[in-house]
């Protein structure tokens, strides 16, 4: 998809080194798989955010991540809301695939180079506290619950990031 081509279901299963049956277990068809893949392609990549010249301050690194994620979320808001709604549906299938976790690896990439600035427990808590702040859940809360515009939401998210980093440093 990054090359501008729509692969077949079979090509995707082969590239993932799984059988078609396994692929169908996670996705009912090509449309569902491409929907998820489209979102995956839209998510910023750590190497693009934190390459040479990236800030060394933890809060600045996290604000950079926040800006990139929210640009992606806003550009894909209907799809992200649909994904969130689907993840909220109860399931009785204990083997059902869980929702992708794209935020945690990005948070890790933002904080790993500066992890020595935090105690291990504080770093673990900081990373966990950032997950709901850097996702579609926060977008929904700011827009639907608080009714603030994107500039106000950004200012509050950045304030929250700085407060969390300061608290983690003190722990």
Protein backbone atom coordinates (compact mmCIF):
# COMPACT_ATOMS: atom_id res chain seq x y z
CA UNK A 1 0.00 0.00 0.00
CA UNK A 2 2.90 2.37 0.69
CA UNK A 3 3.87 1.77 -2.95
CA UNK A 4 0.41 2.89 -4.08
CA UNK A 5 -0.80 -0.60 -5.01
CA UNK A 6 -3.65 -2.66 -3.57
CA UNK A 7 -2.37 -6.14 -2.79
CA UNK A 8 -4.53 -9.26 -2.91
CA UNK A 9 -5.54 -11.12 0.24
CA UNK A 10 -3.24 -13.96 -0.79
CA UNK A 11 -0.26 -11.63 -1.29
CA UNK A 12 -0.80 -10.14 2.13
CA UNK A 13 -1.02 -13.53 3.82
CA UNK A 14 2.14 -14.65 2.02
CA UNK A 15 4.02 -11.46 2.95
CA UNK A 16 2.97 -11.95 6.58
CA UNK A 17 4.13 -15.59 6.44
CA UNK A 18 0.73 -16.88 7.48
CA UNK A 19 -1.77 -19.12 5.79
CA UNK A 20 -4.90 -17.71 4.19
CA UNK A 21 -6.91 -19.46 6.90
CA UNK A 22 -4.97 -17.63 9.61
CA UNK A 23 -5.40 -14.32 7.81
CA UNK A 24 -9.15 -14.91 7.52
CA UNK A 25 -9.29 -15.63 11.25
CA UNK A 26 -8.19 -12.06 11.90
CA UNK A 27 -9.93 -10.38 8.96
CA UNK A 28 -13.21 -11.49 7.38
CA UNK A 29 -12.10 -10.29 3.97
CA UNK A 30 -9.85 -8.04 1.95
CA UNK A 31 -11.88 -4.90 2.74
CA UNK A 32 -11.44 -5.31 6.51
CA UNK A 33 -7.75 -6.08 6.09
CA UNK A 34 -7.18 -3.06 3.83
CA UNK A 35 -9.08 -0.84 6.27
CA UNK A 36 -6.73 -1.85 9.08
CA UNK A 37 -3.69 -1.71 6.81
CA UNK A 38 -4.62 1.78 5.64
CA UNK A 39 -4.61 2.97 9.22
CA UNK A 40 -1.34 1.17 9.86
CA UNK A 41 0.27 2.91 6.90
CA UNK A 42 -1.02 6.30 8.13
CA UNK A 43 0.54 5.95 11.59
CA UNK A 44 3.77 7.92 11.86
CA UNK A 45 6.97 5.92 12.00
CA UNK A 46 9.36 6.26 14.92
CA UNK A 47 12.38 6.62 12.64
CA UNK A 48 10.73 9.60 10.94
CA UNK A 49 9.90 11.27 14.26
CA UNK A 50 13.04 10.55 16.24
CA UNK A 51 15.87 10.43 13.75
CA UNK A 52 18.89 12.70 13.72
CA UNK A 53 18.11 16.16 15.04
CA UNK A 54 15.18 15.00 17.16
CA UNK A 55 14.83 16.79 20.50
CA UNK A 56 16.50 15.23 23.53
CA UNK A 57 14.02 16.57 26.08
CA UNK A 58 11.40 13.90 26.94
CA UNK A 59 8.49 16.35 26.90
CA UNK A 60 9.52 17.76 23.53
CA UNK A 61 9.87 14.24 22.10
CA UNK A 62 6.40 13.34 23.38
CA UNK A 63 4.90 16.57 22.06
CA UNK A 64 6.37 15.73 18.64
CA UNK A 65 4.72 12.31 18.87
CA UNK A 66 1.44 13.86 20.00
CA UNK A 67 1.41 16.28 17.06
CA UNK A 68 2.12 13.51 14.55
CA UNK A 69 -0.47 11.13 15.99
CA UNK A 70 -3.20 13.75 16.17
CA UNK A 71 -2.52 14.88 12.61
CA UNK A 72 -3.06 11.25 11.56
CA UNK A 73 -6.11 10.84 13.82
CA UNK A 74 -7.78 13.97 12.49
CA UNK A 75 -7.07 12.97 8.88
CA UNK A 76 -8.61 9.52 9.51
CA UNK A 77 -11.21 10.44 12.11
CA UNK A 78 -14.20 8.50 10.68
CA UNK A 79 -12.12 5.33 10.33
CA UNK A 80 -10.58 5.76 13.78
CA UNK A 81 -14.01 6.25 15.36
CA UNK A 82 -15.25 3.13 13.57
CA UNK A 83 -12.25 1.19 14.85
CA UNK A 84 -12.91 2.44 18.39
CA UNK A 85 -16.60 1.56 18.16
CA UNK A 86 -15.75 -1.93 16.93
CA UNK A 87 -13.29 -2.47 19.75
CA UNK A 88 -16.00 -1.63 22.28
CA UNK A 89 -18.29 -4.43 21.10
CA UNK A 90 -18.43 -7.31 23.57
CA UNK A 91 -17.19 -10.65 22.35
CA UNK A 92 -17.61 -14.13 23.74
CA UNK A 93 -14.72 -15.46 21.69
CA UNK A 94 -11.72 -15.69 24.02
CA UNK A 95 -9.48 -16.26 21.00
CA UNK A 96 -10.69 -13.18 19.14
CA UNK A 97 -7.82 -10.99 17.91
CA UNK A 98 -7.15 -7.94 20.04
CA UNK A 99 -6.91 -4.41 18.73
CA UNK A 100 -3.55 -3.30 17.34
CA UNK A 101 -1.30 -1.43 19.75
CA UNK A 102 0.50 1.16 17.68
CA UNK A 103 0.93 3.76 20.41
CA UNK A 104 3.08 1.86 22.89
CA UNK A 105 5.96 1.21 20.46
CA UNK A 106 5.94 4.89 19.51
CA UNK A 107 5.92 5.95 23.16
CA UNK A 108 8.81 3.53 23.76
CA UNK A 109 10.70 5.07 20.84
CA UNK A 110 10.14 8.55 22.23
CA UNK A 111 11.26 7.68 25.76
CA UNK A 112 13.85 4.92 25.43
CA UNK A 113 16.74 7.27 24.57
CA UNK A 114 15.95 9.39 27.65
CA UNK A 115 14.90 6.59 30.02
CA UNK A 116 17.87 7.24 32.31
CA UNK A 117 16.11 10.44 33.41
CA UNK A 118 13.45 8.38 35.21
CA UNK A 119 13.25 5.66 37.84
CA UNK A 120 12.03 2.37 36.26
CA UNK A 121 8.62 2.41 38.02
CA UNK A 122 8.08 6.06 37.13
CA UNK A 123 8.97 5.39 33.49
CA UNK A 124 6.56 2.46 33.36
CA UNK A 125 3.77 4.61 34.86
CA UNK A 126 4.55 7.49 32.49
CA UNK A 127 4.33 5.21 29.46
CA UNK A 128 1.02 3.77 30.68
CA UNK A 129 -0.42 7.24 31.40
CA UNK A 130 0.43 8.39 27.89
CA UNK A 131 -1.50 5.63 26.10
CA UNK A 132 -5.02 7.08 26.58
CA UNK A 133 -3.74 10.61 26.01
CA UNK A 134 -2.24 9.84 22.59
CA UNK A 135 -5.15 8.08 20.93
CA UNK A 136 -8.57 8.34 19.42
CA UNK A 137 -10.08 8.14 22.90
CA UNK A 138 -8.61 11.56 23.71
CA UNK A 139 -9.78 12.97 20.38
CA UNK A 140 -13.33 11.87 21.19
CA UNK A 141 -13.12 13.29 24.72
CA UNK A 142 -11.82 16.68 23.58
CA UNK A 143 -14.28 17.03 20.68
CA UNK A 144 -17.41 15.34 21.93
CA UNK A 145 -17.23 15.73 25.70
CA UNK A 146 -15.34 19.00 26.16
CA UNK A 147 -16.26 20.61 22.83
CA UNK A 148 -12.88 22.27 22.39
CA UNK A 149 -11.25 23.02 19.06
CA UNK A 150 -8.09 21.29 17.92
CA UNK A 151 -5.78 24.13 19.00
CA UNK A 152 -7.20 24.13 22.53
CA UNK A 153 -7.02 20.34 22.65
CA UNK A 154 -3.38 20.44 21.55
CA UNK A 155 -2.52 23.00 24.23
CA UNK A 156 -4.15 20.86 26.92
CA UNK A 157 -2.50 17.65 25.68
CA UNK A 158 0.91 19.32 25.69
CA UNK A 159 0.24 20.66 29.20
CA UNK A 160 -0.68 17.13 30.28
CA UNK A 161 2.48 15.70 28.70
CA UNK A 162 4.66 18.22 30.53
CA UNK A 163 2.84 17.54 33.82
CA UNK A 164 3.24 13.79 33.42
CA UNK A 165 6.95 14.09 32.58
CA UNK A 166 7.52 16.40 35.57
CA UNK A 167 5.67 14.00 37.89
CA UNK A 168 7.65 11.05 36.56
CA UNK A 169 10.94 12.89 37.12
CA UNK A 170 10.00 13.56 40.75
CA UNK A 171 8.97 9.98 41.48
